[in-house]
Amino acid sequence: MPGPIQPHTPAEKKVLILASFLFFLFLALDQGTKLLAMTSMELHETIAIVPGWFNLTYVRNPGAAWSMLAGFPWLLLGFGVAAAALIIVFFRRWSEGYTERFCALALIESGIIGNSIDRLWHGSVIDFFHVHYYNHYHYPVFNVADCAICIGVGIFILSSLLRKNDPAKEASGS
C-alpha cells in the first residue's frame, strides 16, 4: 500500500479534489433520492423491489439511528453540526495523509450534512430503504446519507487496522 501523501503537494490536491467529488456526489444522491421519495410516494407507502427482502418505504425518522433521541431534534441537529465542523477542522490530521481516509471522511461528512439538512428543513430525516426478511425481521429504514456514513466509517476502520503504525510518529508521540 502506498504511504501517506505529504501535505500541500499536488498529490494531496488531487486527493482533496477526489474527496470533494465524493462529498458532493453523495450529498446530491442523498438529497435527490429523498426528494424523489417525498414527491413520488405517500408517507408510509411501500413499493416492493425484491419481494420478501427489499422495499422502498417512505418514512420520517424524528431521531437518530433506530429513532434514538426522537424528542430532541435540535440536539441532534447540534450534534450533526458539531461533528461536521470537527471533521472539517481535523480533516488533514485524521486522514494522516492516506487517500482512503480522505475519502472516508468525505463520505461521513456528506452523510452528516445530508441528514442535518433534513432535520433543518423537514424536522425529521427522510428514510426509504427497507431491508427485511419477509415478516420475520425488519432492519430500520435508512437512506443514502446513512449508507455514506457507514461506508465511510467502515473504510476508516479498515484503513486504521490495515495500515502499520509509523515508528517515527510513535516515538515523537504525535
C-alpha atoms as a PDB file:
ATOM      1  CA  MET A   1       0.000   0.000   0.000  1.00  0.00           C
ATOM      2  CA  PRO A   2       1.323   3.454  -0.822  1.00  0.00           C
ATOM      3  CA  GLY A   3       2.396   5.641   2.069  1.00  0.00           C
ATOM      4  CA  PRO A   4       0.845   8.875   3.224  1.00  0.00           C
ATOM      5  CA  ILE A   5       0.608  11.864   0.921  1.00  0.00           C
ATOM      6  CA  GLN A   6       2.574  14.904   2.002  1.00  0.00           C
ATOM      7  CA  PRO A   7       0.509  17.998   2.857  1.00  0.00           C
ATOM      8  CA  HIS A   8       0.342  20.931   0.446  1.00  0.00           C
ATOM      9  CA  THR A   9       1.560  18.958  -2.561  1.00  0.00           C
ATOM     10  CA  PRO A  10      -0.007  18.385  -5.992  1.00  0.00           C
ATOM     11  CA  ALA A  11      -0.718  14.795  -4.928  1.00  0.00           C
ATOM     12  CA  GLU A  12      -2.679  15.994  -1.919  1.00  0.00           C
ATOM     13  CA  LYS A  13      -4.555  18.472  -4.115  1.00  0.00           C
ATOM     14  CA  LYS A  14      -5.674  15.579  -6.362  1.00  0.00           C
ATOM     15  CA  VAL A  15      -6.856  13.581  -3.360  1.00  0.00           C
ATOM     16  CA  LEU A  16      -8.723  16.593  -1.970  1.00  0.00           C
ATOM     17  CA  ILE A  17     -10.441  17.028  -5.342  1.00  0.00           C
ATOM     18  CA  LEU A  18     -11.415  13.327  -5.292  1.00  0.00           C
ATOM     19  CA  ALA A  19     -12.715  13.615  -1.719  1.00  0.00           C
ATOM     20  CA  SER A  20     -14.665  16.772  -2.625  1.00  0.00           C
ATOM     21  CA  PHE A  21     -16.176  14.993  -5.624  1.00  0.00           C
ATOM     22  CA  LEU A  22     -17.278  12.089  -3.389  1.00  0.00           C
ATOM     23  CA  PHE A  23     -18.707  14.521  -0.850  1.00  0.00           C
ATOM     24  CA  PHE A  24     -20.804  16.405  -3.416  1.00  0.00           C
ATOM     25  CA  LEU A  25     -21.795  13.230  -5.297  1.00  0.00           C
ATOM     26  CA  PHE A  26     -23.144  11.509  -2.188  1.00  0.00           C
ATOM     27  CA  LEU A  27     -24.776  14.671  -0.870  1.00  0.00           C
ATOM     28  CA  ALA A  28     -26.533  15.146  -4.226  1.00  0.00           C
ATOM     29  CA  LEU A  29     -27.569  11.466  -4.374  1.00  0.00           C
ATOM     30  CA  ASP A  30     -28.886  11.679  -0.833  1.00  0.00           C
ATOM     31  CA  GLN A  31     -30.904  14.844  -1.323  1.00  0.00           C
ATOM     32  CA  GLY A  32     -32.073  13.812  -4.800  1.00  0.00           C
ATOM     33  CA  THR A  33     -33.323  10.394  -3.705  1.00  0.00           C
ATOM     34  CA  LYS A  34     -35.064  11.907  -0.675  1.00  0.00           C
ATOM     35  CA  LEU A  35     -36.787  14.462  -2.895  1.00  0.00           C
ATOM     36  CA  LEU A  36     -37.835  11.663  -5.236  1.00  0.00           C
ATOM     37  CA  ALA A  37     -39.255   9.632  -2.329  1.00  0.00           C
ATOM     38  CA  MET A  38     -41.157  12.639  -0.929  1.00  0.00           C
ATOM     39  CA  THR A  39     -42.635  13.660  -4.284  1.00  0.00           C
ATOM     40  CA  SER A  40     -43.459  10.247  -5.703  1.00  0.00           C
ATOM     41  CA  MET A  41     -44.623   8.333  -2.611  1.00  0.00           C
ATOM     42  CA  GLU A  42     -47.129   8.830   0.168  1.00  0.00           C
ATOM     43  CA  LEU A  43     -45.827   8.750   3.731  1.00  0.00           C
ATOM     44  CA  HIS A  44     -45.566   5.071   4.847  1.00  0.00           C
ATOM     45  CA  GLU A  45     -46.163   3.840   1.294  1.00  0.00           C
ATOM     46  CA  THR A  46     -44.192   0.704   0.394  1.00  0.00           C
ATOM     47  CA  ILE A  47     -43.024  -0.425  -3.018  1.00  0.00           C
ATOM     48  CA  ALA A  48     -41.658  -3.983  -3.149  1.00  0.00           C
ATOM     49  CA  ILE A  49     -38.419  -4.125  -5.140  1.00  0.00           C
ATOM     50  CA  VAL A  50     -37.291  -7.644  -4.162  1.00  0.00           C
ATOM     51  CA  PRO A  51     -40.363  -9.237  -2.537  1.00  0.00           C
ATOM     52  CA  GLY A  52     -39.623 -10.581   0.924  1.00  0.00           C
ATOM     53  CA  TRP A  53     -36.226  -8.825   1.064  1.00  0.00           C
ATOM     54  CA  PHE A  54     -36.126  -5.189  -0.047  1.00  0.00           C
ATOM     55  CA  ASN A  55     -38.715  -2.426  -0.311  1.00  0.00           C
ATOM     56  CA  LEU A  56     -38.787   1.292  -0.773  1.00  0.00           C
ATOM     57  CA  THR A  57     -40.793   2.567   2.176  1.00  0.00           C
ATOM     58  CA  TYR A  58     -41.118   6.313   2.711  1.00  0.00           C
ATOM     59  CA  VAL A  59     -40.897   7.182   6.402  1.00  0.00           C
ATOM     60  CA  ARG A  60     -39.703  10.113   8.501  1.00  0.00           C
ATOM     61  CA  ASN A  61     -37.370   9.480  11.391  1.00  0.00           C
ATOM     62  CA  PRO A  62     -37.568  12.175  14.091  1.00  0.00           C
ATOM     63  CA  GLY A  63     -34.492  10.771  15.853  1.00  0.00           C
ATOM     64  CA  ALA A  64     -31.080   9.343  15.109  1.00  0.00           C
ATOM     65  CA  ALA A  65     -30.360   5.682  14.321  1.00  0.00           C
ATOM     66  CA  TRP A  66     -33.270   3.478  15.416  1.00  0.00           C
ATOM     67  CA  SER A  67     -35.158   6.671  16.386  1.00  0.00           C
ATOM     68  CA  MET A  68     -32.913   7.318  19.398  1.00  0.00           C
ATOM     69  CA  LEU A  69     -33.366  10.797  20.885  1.00  0.00           C
ATOM     70  CA  ALA A  70     -36.559  11.240  18.852  1.00  0.00           C
ATOM     71  CA  GLY A  71     -37.821  14.047  21.062  1.00  0.00           C
ATOM     72  CA  PHE A  72     -34.699  16.166  20.704  1.00  0.00           C
ATOM     73  CA  PRO A  73     -34.430  17.371  17.079  1.00  0.00           C
ATOM     74  CA  TRP A  74     -32.374  20.486  17.907  1.00  0.00           C
ATOM     75  CA  LEU A  75     -29.944  18.446  19.982  1.00  0.00           C
ATOM     76  CA  LEU A  76     -29.484  16.036  17.062  1.00  0.00           C
ATOM     77  CA  LEU A  77     -29.013  18.940  14.670  1.00  0.00           C
ATOM     78  CA  GLY A  78     -26.446  20.411  17.069  1.00  0.00           C
ATOM     79  CA  PHE A  79     -24.576  17.096  17.214  1.00  0.00           C
ATOM     80  CA  GLY A  80     -24.589  16.953  13.411  1.00  0.00           C
ATOM     81  CA  VAL A  81     -23.290  20.495  13.017  1.00  0.00           C
ATOM     82  CA  ALA A  82     -20.608  19.907  15.679  1.00  0.00           C
ATOM     83  CA  ALA A  83     -19.498  16.611  14.087  1.00  0.00           C
ATOM     84  CA  ALA A  84     -19.379  18.191  10.614  1.00  0.00           C
ATOM     85  CA  ALA A  85     -17.324  21.110  11.956  1.00  0.00           C
ATOM     86  CA  LEU A  86     -14.893  18.778  13.733  1.00  0.00           C
ATOM     87  CA  ILE A  87     -14.338  16.773  10.553  1.00  0.00           C
ATOM     88  CA  ILE A  88     -13.568  19.963   8.628  1.00  0.00           C
ATOM     89  CA  VAL A  89     -11.182  21.257  11.304  1.00  0.00           C
ATOM     90  CA  PHE A  90      -9.330  17.958  11.749  1.00  0.00           C
ATOM     91  CA  PHE A  91      -9.644  16.638   8.173  1.00  0.00           C
ATOM     92  CA  ARG A  92      -5.911  16.577   7.438  1.00  0.00           C
ATOM     93  CA  ARG A  93      -4.890  15.314  10.866  1.00  0.00           C
ATOM     94  CA  TRP A  94      -7.419  12.484  10.968  1.00  0.00           C
ATOM     95  CA  SER A  95      -6.647  11.364   7.418  1.00  0.00           C
ATOM     96  CA  GLU A  96      -2.929  11.142   8.256  1.00  0.00           C
ATOM     97  CA  GLY A  97      -2.315  11.672   4.547  1.00  0.00           C
ATOM     98  CA  TYR A  98      -3.921   8.410   3.423  1.00  0.00           C
ATOM     99  CA  THR A  99      -6.137   8.636   0.361  1.00  0.00           C
ATOM    100  CA  GLU A 100      -8.756   6.204   1.642  1.00  0.00           C
ATOM    101  CA  ARG A 101      -9.125   8.181   4.880  1.00  0.00           C
ATOM    102  CA  PHE A 102      -9.639  11.451   3.000  1.00  0.00           C
ATOM    103  CA  CYS A 103     -12.397   9.689   1.041  1.00  0.00           C
ATOM    104  CA  ALA A 104     -13.851   8.046   4.163  1.00  0.00           C
ATOM    105  CA  LEU A 105     -14.083  11.380   5.968  1.00  0.00           C
ATOM    106  CA  ALA A 106     -15.700  12.968   2.894  1.00  0.00           C
ATOM    107  CA  LEU A 107     -18.357  10.215   2.860  1.00  0.00           C
ATOM    108  CA  ILE A 108     -19.018  10.604   6.587  1.00  0.00           C
ATOM    109  CA  GLU A 109     -19.257  14.388   6.177  1.00  0.00           C
ATOM    110  CA  SER A 110     -21.726  14.084   3.289  1.00  0.00           C
ATOM    111  CA  GLY A 111     -23.963  11.780   5.311  1.00  0.00           C
ATOM    112  CA  ILE A 112     -23.901  14.003   8.384  1.00  0.00           C
ATOM    113  CA  ILE A 113     -24.730  17.085   6.338  1.00  0.00           C
ATOM    114  CA  GLY A 114     -27.401  15.261   4.308  1.00  0.00           C
ATOM    115  CA  ASN A 115     -29.276  14.164   7.421  1.00  0.00           C
ATOM    116  CA  SER A 116     -28.742  17.560   9.073  1.00  0.00           C
ATOM    117  CA  ILE A 117     -30.336  19.261   6.064  1.00  0.00           C
ATOM    118  CA  ASP A 118     -33.397  17.035   6.566  1.00  0.00           C
ATOM    119  CA  ARG A 119     -33.629  17.888  10.257  1.00  0.00           C
ATOM    120  CA  LEU A 120     -33.364  21.582   9.493  1.00  0.00           C
ATOM    121  CA  TRP A 121     -35.787  21.703   6.521  1.00  0.00           C
ATOM    122  CA  HIS A 122     -38.220  18.899   7.341  1.00  0.00           C
ATOM    123  CA  GLY A 123     -37.930  18.459  11.120  1.00  0.00           C
ATOM    124  CA  SER A 124     -37.046  14.799  10.622  1.00  0.00           C
ATOM    125  CA  VAL A 125     -34.836  12.595   8.459  1.00  0.00           C
ATOM    126  CA  ILE A 126     -36.330  11.164   5.261  1.00  0.00           C
ATOM    127  CA  ASP A 127     -35.725   7.402   5.021  1.00  0.00           C
ATOM    128  CA  PHE A 128     -36.818   4.935   2.351  1.00  0.00           C
ATOM    129  CA  PHE A 129     -34.517   1.857   2.029  1.00  0.00           C
ATOM    130  CA  HIS A 130     -36.226  -1.027   3.813  1.00  0.00           C
ATOM    131  CA  VAL A 131     -34.311  -4.288   4.144  1.00  0.00           C
ATOM    132  CA  HIS A 132     -36.222  -7.179   5.688  1.00  0.00           C
ATOM    133  CA  TYR A 133     -36.678 -10.916   5.733  1.00  0.00           C
ATOM    134  CA  TYR A 134     -40.345 -11.470   4.952  1.00  0.00           C
ATOM    135  CA  ASN A 135     -42.257 -10.661   8.146  1.00  0.00           C
ATOM    136  CA  HIS A 136     -39.657 -12.157  10.475  1.00  0.00           C
ATOM    137  CA  TYR A 137     -37.010  -9.448  10.586  1.00  0.00           C
ATOM    138  CA  HIS A 138     -37.061  -5.785   9.629  1.00  0.00           C
ATOM    139  CA  TYR A 139     -33.929  -3.652   9.645  1.00  0.00           C
ATOM    140  CA  PRO A 140     -34.676   0.021  10.393  1.00  0.00           C
ATOM    141  CA  VAL A 141     -35.442   2.024   7.249  1.00  0.00           C
ATOM    142  CA  PHE A 142     -32.472   4.128   6.128  1.00  0.00           C
ATOM    143  CA  ASN A 143     -31.227   6.433   3.340  1.00  0.00           C
ATOM    144  CA  VAL A 144     -28.204   7.286   1.171  1.00  0.00           C
ATOM    145  CA  ALA A 145     -26.714   9.527   3.893  1.00  0.00           C
ATOM    146  CA  ASP A 146     -26.785   6.613   6.327  1.00  0.00           C
ATOM    147  CA  CYS A 147     -25.060   4.435   3.721  1.00  0.00           C
ATOM    148  CA  ALA A 148     -22.372   7.080   3.173  1.00  0.00           C
ATOM    149  CA  ILE A 149     -21.709   7.327   6.914  1.00  0.00           C
ATOM    150  CA  CYS A 150     -21.494   3.542   7.345  1.00  0.00           C
ATOM    151  CA  ILE A 151     -19.275   3.055   4.283  1.00  0.00           C
ATOM    152  CA  GLY A 152     -17.031   5.924   5.381  1.00  0.00           C
ATOM    153  CA  VAL A 153     -16.701   4.590   8.931  1.00  0.00           C
ATOM    154  CA  GLY A 154     -16.007   1.093   7.564  1.00  0.00           C
ATOM    155  CA  ILE A 155     -13.272   2.358   5.242  1.00  0.00           C
ATOM    156  CA  PHE A 156     -11.731   4.419   8.036  1.00  0.00           C
ATOM    157  CA  ILE A 157     -11.705   1.472  10.462  1.00  0.00           C
ATOM    158  CA  LEU A 158     -10.249  -0.891   7.842  1.00  0.00           C
ATOM    159  CA  SER A 159      -7.572   1.632   6.972  1.00  0.00           C
ATOM    160  CA  SER A 160      -6.698   2.069  10.644  1.00  0.00           C
ATOM    161  CA  LEU A 161      -6.457  -1.687  11.156  1.00  0.00           C
ATOM    162  CA  LEU A 162      -4.505  -2.462   7.985  1.00  0.00           C
ATOM    163  CA  ARG A 163      -2.036   0.414   7.988  1.00  0.00           C
ATOM    164  CA  LYS A 164       1.103  -0.219  10.001  1.00  0.00           C
ATOM    165  CA  ASN A 165       1.867   2.401  12.624  1.00  0.00           C
ATOM    166  CA  ASP A 166       4.727   4.712  11.701  1.00  0.00           C
ATOM    167  CA  PRO A 167       7.526   4.111  14.261  1.00  0.00           C
ATOM    168  CA  ALA A 168       8.752   7.717  13.844  1.00  0.00           C
ATOM    169  CA  LYS A 169       5.279   9.057  14.744  1.00  0.00           C
ATOM    170  CA  GLU A 170       5.009   6.737  17.745  1.00  0.00           C
ATOM    171  CA  ALA A 171       8.437   7.827  19.027  1.00  0.00           C
ATOM    172  CA  SER A 172       7.530  11.503  18.721  1.00  0.00           C
ATOM    173  CA  GLY A 173       4.131  10.974  20.364  1.00  0.00           C
ATOM    174  CA  SER A 174       2.108  12.587  17.578  1.00  0.00           C
END
